[in-house]
Protein backbone atom coordinates (compact mmCIF):
# COMPACT_ATOMS: atom_id res chain seq x y z
CA MET A 1 0.00 0.00 0.00
CA SER A 2 2.40 2.68 -1.20
CA MET A 3 1.90 6.36 -0.56
CA PHE A 4 3.11 7.52 -3.98
CA TRP A 5 3.64 6.19 -7.51
CA ARG A 6 7.11 4.82 -8.16
CA GLN A 7 9.44 3.63 -10.92
CA ASN A 8 10.21 0.06 -9.85
CA PRO A 9 12.95 0.84 -7.29
CA GLN A 10 15.33 -2.06 -6.59
CA TRP A 11 16.11 -0.88 -3.06
CA VAL A 12 14.07 0.06 0.00
CA ILE A 13 15.56 2.17 2.80
CA ASP A 14 13.91 1.92 6.21
CA LEU A 15 14.66 5.17 8.09
CA GLY A 16 14.63 3.65 11.56
CA SER A 17 15.41 5.74 14.63
CA ARG A 18 18.22 3.37 15.69
CA GLN A 19 19.43 2.01 12.34
CA LEU A 20 18.88 2.77 8.68
CA LYS A 21 18.31 -0.46 6.75
CA ALA A 22 18.82 -0.69 2.98
CA VAL A 23 17.35 -3.86 1.48
CA SER A 24 16.96 -5.48 -1.92
CA ALA A 25 14.58 -8.45 -1.75
CA ARG A 26 12.00 -10.42 -3.72
CA PRO A 27 9.04 -12.69 -2.88
CA LEU A 28 9.38 -16.42 -3.50
CA GLY A 29 5.71 -17.22 -2.81
CA ARG A 30 3.82 -18.93 0.03
CA GLY A 31 5.29 -16.76 2.78
CA ARG A 32 8.89 -17.04 1.61
CA PHE A 33 11.20 -14.16 0.69
CA GLN A 34 14.75 -13.82 -0.54
CA VAL A 35 16.90 -10.98 0.71
CA LEU A 36 19.41 -10.42 -2.06
CA ARG A 37 21.43 -7.73 -0.30
CA TYR A 38 21.17 -5.56 2.78
CA ALA A 39 23.25 -2.93 4.56
CA PHE A 40 22.98 -0.96 7.79
CA ALA A 41 24.00 2.50 8.99
CA GLU A 42 23.72 3.77 12.54
CA ALA A 43 21.05 6.44 12.96
CA SER A 44 21.81 9.89 14.25
CA ASP A 45 21.37 10.68 17.93
CA GLU A 46 19.27 13.62 16.75
CA PRO A 47 15.81 12.40 15.62
CA LEU A 48 15.16 13.09 11.94
CA PHE A 49 11.38 13.25 12.47
CA ALA A 50 9.55 15.05 15.27
CA ASN A 51 6.82 13.32 17.26
CA ASP A 52 4.39 15.98 16.05
CA VAL A 53 3.24 15.26 12.49
CA ALA A 54 2.89 18.99 11.80
CA SER A 55 6.53 19.78 12.63
CA ASP A 56 9.13 20.27 9.92
CA VAL A 57 12.15 18.01 9.51
CA GLU A 58 15.27 19.66 10.91
CA ILE A 59 18.27 18.48 8.88
CA CYS A 60 21.60 18.57 10.73
CA ALA A 61 25.16 17.38 10.02
CA SER A 62 24.61 13.99 11.70
CA HIS A 63 21.63 13.30 9.42
CA GLN A 64 23.80 13.96 6.39
CA ARG A 65 26.39 11.57 7.80
CA MET A 66 23.95 8.68 8.31
CA ILE A 67 22.25 9.07 4.93
CA GLY A 68 25.58 9.33 3.13
CA GLU A 69 26.73 6.22 5.00
CA VAL A 70 23.75 4.05 4.06
CA VAL A 71 23.97 5.14 0.40
CA ARG A 72 27.69 4.24 0.33
CA ASN A 73 27.33 0.98 2.29
CA ALA A 74 24.62 -0.32 -0.06
CA GLY A 75 26.15 1.14 -3.24
CA LEU A 76 22.98 3.09 -4.05
CA SER A 77 24.45 5.93 -6.08
CA GLY A 78 22.35 6.28 -9.25
CA SER A 79 19.56 4.02 -7.90
CA TYR A 80 15.86 4.70 -7.51
CA VAL A 81 14.80 3.92 -3.95
CA THR A 82 11.71 3.61 -1.78
CA LEU A 83 11.90 5.36 1.60
CA LEU A 84 10.09 3.98 4.65
CA TYR A 85 9.42 6.73 7.18
CA PRO A 86 8.77 5.96 10.87
CA ASP A 87 5.09 5.33 11.47
CA TYR A 88 4.81 8.26 13.87
CA ALA A 89 5.74 10.66 11.02
CA PHE A 90 2.25 9.95 9.63
CA GLN A 91 -1.21 10.73 10.89
CA VAL A 92 -3.23 7.63 9.96
CA LYS A 93 -6.67 6.21 10.52
CA VAL A 94 -9.13 3.73 9.09
CA LEU A 95 -12.35 5.72 9.13
CA PRO A 96 -15.52 3.58 9.20
CA VAL A 97 -18.37 5.26 7.32
CA PRO A 98 -21.82 3.60 7.03
CA THR A 99 -22.21 2.13 3.55
CA LYS A 100 -25.49 4.01 3.20
CA THR A 101 -23.51 7.27 3.54
CA VAL A 102 -22.54 8.15 -0.01
CA GLY A 103 -21.65 11.08 -2.21
CA GLU A 104 -21.38 14.50 -0.61
CA GLU A 105 -22.27 13.21 2.85
CA ARG A 106 -19.35 10.75 2.80
CA GLU A 107 -16.97 13.43 1.55
CA GLN A 108 -18.05 15.72 4.38
CA ALA A 109 -17.23 13.02 6.94
CA ILE A 110 -13.78 12.56 5.44
CA ASN A 111 -13.09 16.28 5.16
CA GLN A 112 -14.09 16.82 8.79
CA GLU A 113 -11.58 14.18 9.90
CA VAL A 114 -8.81 15.79 7.84
CA LYS A 115 -9.62 19.26 9.22
CA THR A 116 -9.27 17.88 12.74
CA TRP A 117 -5.83 16.52 11.86
CA VAL A 118 -4.60 19.71 10.22
CA GLY A 119 -5.82 21.98 13.03
CA GLN A 120 -6.29 25.72 13.04
CA ASP A 121 -2.58 26.61 12.95
CA HIS A 122 -1.86 24.94 9.61
CA ASP A 123 -3.16 24.82 6.05
CA GLN A 124 -4.11 21.56 4.35
CA SER A 125 -1.76 22.42 1.47
CA GLU A 126 1.15 21.81 3.88
CA PHE A 127 0.33 18.11 3.88
CA ILE A 128 0.07 15.21 1.44
CA LEU A 129 -3.06 13.13 1.92
CA GLN A 130 -3.52 9.52 0.76
CA ARG A 131 -6.94 7.91 0.67
CA LEU A 132 -7.85 4.28 -0.05
CA GLU A 133 -10.90 2.07 0.52
CA PRO A 134 -9.65 -1.34 1.76
CA GLY A 135 -13.04 -3.02 2.21
CA VAL A 136 -16.33 -3.26 4.09
CA LEU A 137 -16.89 -4.54 7.63
CA HIS A 138 -20.30 -4.84 9.33
CA ASN A 139 -22.06 -2.39 7.00
CA ASP A 140 -19.26 0.15 7.27
CA GLN A 141 -17.16 1.24 4.31
CA LEU A 142 -13.57 1.37 5.60
CA ILE A 143 -11.67 4.42 4.37
CA PHE A 144 -7.93 4.50 4.99
CA LEU A 145 -6.50 7.99 5.42
CA ALA A 146 -2.82 8.91 5.80
CA MET A 147 -1.32 12.37 6.09
CA LEU A 148 2.33 13.41 5.93
CA LYS A 149 4.00 16.84 6.06
CA ARG A 150 4.90 17.82 2.49
CA ARG A 151 8.21 19.34 3.53
CA ALA A 152 9.19 16.05 5.18
CA VAL A 153 9.03 14.43 1.75
CA LEU A 154 10.86 17.21 -0.07
CA GLN A 155 13.61 17.78 2.51
CA VAL A 156 14.55 14.15 3.09
CA GLY A 157 14.26 13.35 -0.62
CA ALA A 158 16.60 16.21 -1.48
CA LEU A 159 19.15 14.94 1.03
CA PHE A 160 19.20 11.49 -0.57
CA GLN A 161 19.54 13.07 -4.00
CA LYS A 162 22.59 14.95 -2.72
CA PHE A 163 24.28 11.56 -2.22
CA GLY A 164 23.13 10.18 -5.58
CA ALA A 165 20.08 8.10 -4.61
CA TYR A 166 16.67 9.02 -6.04
CA PRO A 167 13.57 8.45 -3.87
CA VAL A 168 10.42 7.90 -5.91
CA VAL A 169 8.06 6.67 -3.18
CA VAL A 170 7.51 7.20 0.53
CA ASP A 171 5.65 4.69 2.68
CA MET A 172 5.00 3.73 6.30
CA SER A 173 7.09 0.99 7.88
CA LEU A 174 3.98 -0.70 9.29
CA LEU A 175 2.14 -0.74 5.95
CA SER A 176 5.15 -2.33 4.30
CA SER A 177 5.33 -4.96 7.04
CA LEU A 178 1.76 -5.93 6.20
CA ASN A 179 2.94 -6.99 2.72
CA VAL A 180 5.15 -9.65 4.32
CA PHE A 181 2.29 -11.19 6.29
CA HIS A 182 -0.48 -10.73 3.72
CA GLU A 183 -0.57 -14.36 2.54
CA TYR A 184 -0.79 -15.54 6.13
CA MET A 185 -3.66 -13.18 6.91
CA ILE A 186 -5.71 -14.21 3.87
CA ASP A 187 -5.10 -17.93 4.42
CA PRO A 188 -8.48 -19.78 4.60
CA ALA A 189 -7.50 -21.03 8.08
CA ASN A 190 -7.53 -17.40 9.26
CA LYS A 191 -10.88 -16.44 7.75
CA ASP A 192 -13.02 -14.42 10.17
CA LYS A 193 -10.06 -13.86 12.48
CA ASN A 194 -8.97 -10.44 13.71
CA ILE A 195 -5.19 -10.45 13.27
CA GLY A 196 -2.97 -7.59 14.36
CA VAL A 197 0.53 -6.63 13.27
CA LEU A 198 2.59 -4.78 15.87
CA ASN A 199 5.63 -2.92 14.56
CA PHE A 200 7.74 -2.58 17.73
CA GLY A 201 10.38 -0.02 16.85
CA HIS A 202 13.11 1.80 18.75
CA SER A 203 11.35 5.14 19.36
CA ALA A 204 7.74 3.99 19.17
CA SER A 205 5.36 1.18 18.23
CA SER A 206 2.32 1.00 15.96
CA LEU A 207 -0.51 -1.46 15.41
CA ALA A 208 -2.72 -2.48 12.48
CA ILE A 209 -5.58 -5.00 12.56
CA TYR A 210 -6.79 -7.07 9.63
CA LYS A 211 -9.95 -9.11 9.12
CA ASP A 212 -10.61 -11.28 6.07
CA GLY A 213 -7.60 -9.75 4.33
CA SER A 214 -8.83 -6.16 4.75
CA LEU A 215 -7.18 -3.46 6.83
CA THR A 216 -9.76 -2.53 9.47
CA CYS A 217 -7.78 -0.51 12.02
CA ILE A 218 -4.40 1.26 12.17
CA HIS A 219 -2.73 3.34 14.87
CA SER A 220 0.63 5.12 14.70
CA ARG A 221 -0.08 6.41 18.22
CA GLY A 222 -2.19 5.48 21.20
CA LEU A 223 -5.82 6.52 21.52
CA SER A 224 -6.41 10.20 22.17
CA THR A 225 -6.38 11.26 25.81
CA GLU A 226 -7.76 14.75 26.45
CA GLY A 227 -6.97 15.67 22.86
CA VAL A 228 -3.39 14.35 22.98
CA GLN A 229 -2.26 11.19 21.17
CA GLU A 230 0.86 9.86 22.90
CA LEU A 231 3.29 7.59 21.08
CA LEU A 232 3.14 3.91 21.97
CA MET A 233 6.46 3.19 23.68
CA GLY A 234 9.35 1.57 21.81
CA GLY A 235 12.51 -0.22 22.83
CA LYS A 236 14.28 3.07 23.59
CA SER A 237 12.10 3.43 26.70
CA PHE A 238 13.51 0.14 28.03
CA THR A 239 17.04 1.42 27.40
CA LYS A 240 16.41 4.66 29.28
CA ARG A 241 15.07 2.81 32.32
CA ILE A 242 18.12 0.53 32.35
CA MET A 243 20.46 3.50 32.02
CA GLU A 244 18.79 5.30 34.93
CA HIS A 245 18.57 2.29 37.24
CA PHE A 246 21.99 0.74 36.68
CA LYS A 247 23.82 4.02 35.91
CA LEU A 248 25.02 2.67 32.54
CA PRO A 249 25.97 4.53 29.35
CA GLU A 250 23.58 3.95 26.46
CA ALA A 251 25.79 1.46 24.59
CA ASP A 252 26.18 -0.71 27.72
CA ALA A 253 22.46 -0.47 28.45
CA GLU A 254 21.67 -1.72 24.94
CA THR A 255 24.00 -4.67 25.46
CA TYR A 256 22.48 -5.40 28.87
CA LYS A 257 19.00 -5.33 27.35
CA LYS A 258 19.96 -7.96 24.79
CA GLU A 259 21.93 -10.31 27.05
CA GLU A 260 20.07 -10.33 30.37
CA VAL A 261 16.75 -11.97 31.32
CA PHE A 262 13.70 -9.68 31.50
CA PHE A 263 10.85 -12.00 30.48
CA LEU A 264 10.21 -15.64 31.43
CA PRO A 265 9.25 -18.25 28.80
CA GLU A 266 5.84 -18.73 30.47
CA PHE A 267 3.31 -16.20 31.74
CA VAL A 268 3.49 -17.07 35.44
CA PRO A 269 3.37 -15.14 38.76
CA GLU A 270 7.13 -15.61 39.12
CA GLN A 271 7.56 -13.03 36.34
CA ASP A 272 7.14 -10.27 38.93
CA LYS A 273 10.11 -11.63 40.88
CA ILE A 274 12.55 -10.92 38.04
CA THR A 275 14.59 -7.88 39.09
CA ASN A 276 15.21 -6.72 35.52
CA TYR A 277 11.49 -6.90 34.79
CA GLN A 278 10.76 -4.65 37.77
CA VAL A 279 13.17 -2.09 36.29
CA ILE A 280 11.31 -1.83 32.98
CA LYS A 281 7.83 -2.68 34.27
CA PRO A 282 6.55 0.94 34.35
CA VAL A 283 7.24 1.56 30.65
CA PHE A 284 6.26 -1.99 29.66
CA GLY A 285 2.99 -1.32 31.45
CA ASP A 286 2.50 1.77 29.28
CA LEU A 287 2.77 -0.43 26.18
CA VAL A 288 0.27 -2.92 27.61
CA LYS A 289 -2.21 -0.14 28.47
CA GLY A 290 -1.84 1.49 25.06
CA LEU A 291 -2.43 -1.74 23.14
CA PHE A 292 -5.27 -2.78 25.45
CA ALA A 293 -7.07 0.52 24.82
CA ILE A 294 -6.72 0.14 21.04
CA THR A 295 -7.91 -3.48 20.91
CA GLU A 296 -10.80 -2.88 23.32
CA ASN A 297 -11.93 0.15 21.33
CA TYR A 298 -11.75 -1.89 18.12
CA MET A 299 -13.82 -4.74 19.54
CA ALA A 300 -16.42 -2.39 21.01
CA TYR A 301 -16.91 -0.39 17.81
CA PHE A 302 -17.08 -3.32 15.40
CA ARG A 303 -18.85 -5.65 17.87
CA GLU A 304 -16.07 -8.21 17.65
CA PHE A 305 -15.55 -10.73 20.45
CA LYS A 306 -11.75 -10.76 20.39
CA VAL A 307 -8.52 -9.98 18.61
CA ASP A 308 -7.38 -13.50 17.82
CA GLU A 309 -3.65 -12.91 17.52
CA ILE A 310 -0.97 -10.29 17.00
CA ILE A 311 2.16 -10.71 14.91
CA MET A 312 5.02 -8.80 16.50
CA THR A 313 7.84 -7.53 14.31
CA GLY A 314 10.56 -4.86 14.29
CA GLY A 315 13.67 -4.75 16.46
CA GLY A 316 11.64 -4.82 19.67
CA ALA A 317 10.34 -8.29 18.78
CA ASN A 318 13.85 -9.61 19.44
CA TYR A 319 13.56 -9.31 23.21
CA SER A 320 13.48 -12.89 24.41
CA ASN A 321 9.99 -14.02 25.51
CA ILE A 322 8.44 -10.53 25.31
CA ASP A 323 5.70 -12.04 23.14
CA VAL A 324 4.74 -14.45 25.93
CA VAL A 325 4.45 -11.82 28.67
CA LEU A 326 2.80 -9.17 26.48
CA GLY A 327 0.29 -11.70 25.20
CA GLY A 328 -0.45 -12.85 28.74
CA HIS A 329 -1.28 -9.32 29.88
CA LEU A 330 -3.47 -8.65 26.83
CA ASN A 331 -5.05 -12.12 26.77
CA ILE A 332 -4.15 -12.27 23.07
CA PHE A 333 -1.94 -14.87 21.42
CA ILE A 334 1.21 -13.11 20.20
CA LYS A 335 3.79 -14.60 17.87
CA LYS A 336 6.92 -13.10 16.42
CA GLY A 337 7.04 -12.33 12.70
CA SER A 338 10.10 -14.54 12.33
CA GLN A 339 7.85 -17.52 13.21
CA VAL A 340 5.37 -16.71 10.45
CA VAL A 341 7.52 -16.27 7.34
CA SER A 342 10.77 -17.55 5.87
CA MET A 343 13.54 -15.22 4.71
CA VAL A 344 16.65 -16.56 3.01
CA ASP A 345 19.80 -14.82 1.85
CA ALA A 346 21.12 -14.72 -1.71
CA ALA A 347 22.62 -18.22 -1.26
CA GLY A 348 19.32 -19.66 0.01
CA ASN A 349 20.29 -19.87 3.69
CA GLU A 350 17.66 -18.96 6.29
CA LEU A 351 18.38 -15.65 7.97
CA PRO A 352 18.58 -15.49 11.78
CA ASP A 353 15.30 -14.63 13.48
CA ASP A 354 16.57 -11.34 14.86
CA VAL A 355 17.65 -10.20 11.38
CA LYS A 356 14.27 -11.20 9.90
CA ASN A 357 12.38 -9.12 12.45
CA ILE A 358 14.59 -6.08 11.83
CA LEU A 359 14.37 -6.33 8.04
CA THR A 360 10.64 -7.11 7.77
CA PRO A 361 9.40 -3.58 6.89
CA ALA A 362 12.05 -3.10 4.19
CA VAL A 363 11.45 -6.59 2.75
CA GLY A 364 7.74 -5.78 2.58
CA GLY A 365 8.57 -2.53 0.81
CA CYS A 366 10.33 -4.55 -1.90
CA CYS A 367 7.35 -6.86 -2.38
CA ARG A 368 4.30 -4.66 -2.82
CA ASP A 369 2.17 -4.92 -5.93
CA GLU A 370 2.84 -2.44 -8.71
């Protein structure tokens, strides 16, 4: 589900807040993908995108360094590329409109939603709006809306052009991840199921829900609280808690997070006795509350009995057993994306699970329909 028309780019660059990932991949069919080449570059300590969708991108020297590095590492000079922006750079929603609401009345409902997004301090011309109609659920026409600051496209695109790579499409990381799991979600065994995809990134997380192969719900933030939509926490929040508690520098905290035990392999009362878990429990609880609010709101609106499962992907999915404990708190079966699909390298060897989870959005960006 791309945001703009493109000229068959061979590479996708995922502009993650911890790493930039450049990937060239192709689908092999039946949930299998081949990653032909990939390269990483460390992200800048200065965020490229603000949490507020309406804010402009502020380009600094460190951003030029990281973009130049990923272009050089992947050999992208002279190449057309797809750029995946962080999900929180977009304002997104699946707007349910009664199927009996047509014509001017439907357009008014859509325009009112967009006006709310833009706000009084900005003009709609400052933004690029994408609109699609993914399907019908319970007598509601589902209308997907996505909005992105126009200058965010122009500024970042110009920076890539400076280093010889030519962006021709911008997309959301989460939407591209959905391409990887599409065959699984439309499998006859999953008919009538509500299946979520959680993109657990470094700065923030986002969630989409599918039913019968149609996108029915998407959130790049939590539900609005008193007019404010907070970001769903990402892995960076774990790192900050570890840094504060153990008085560690960021690099050591990242290593500690990967090597030490935080989550048990079963959802049992003994989980609360794990010291490391107690350290991150406040921010982990924020993630649980945010996802619980989204899934409960979804079930209440569409009169669904449950969200059957959630596929967890992104770098945050690599925390050992986080799927077990998160699923236990939400009472939803959660599996990691690396369990759902196969990804092999150019020689046909299966990639490690942690690499598959990190590369999933970019692989999906390579495999969308023209």
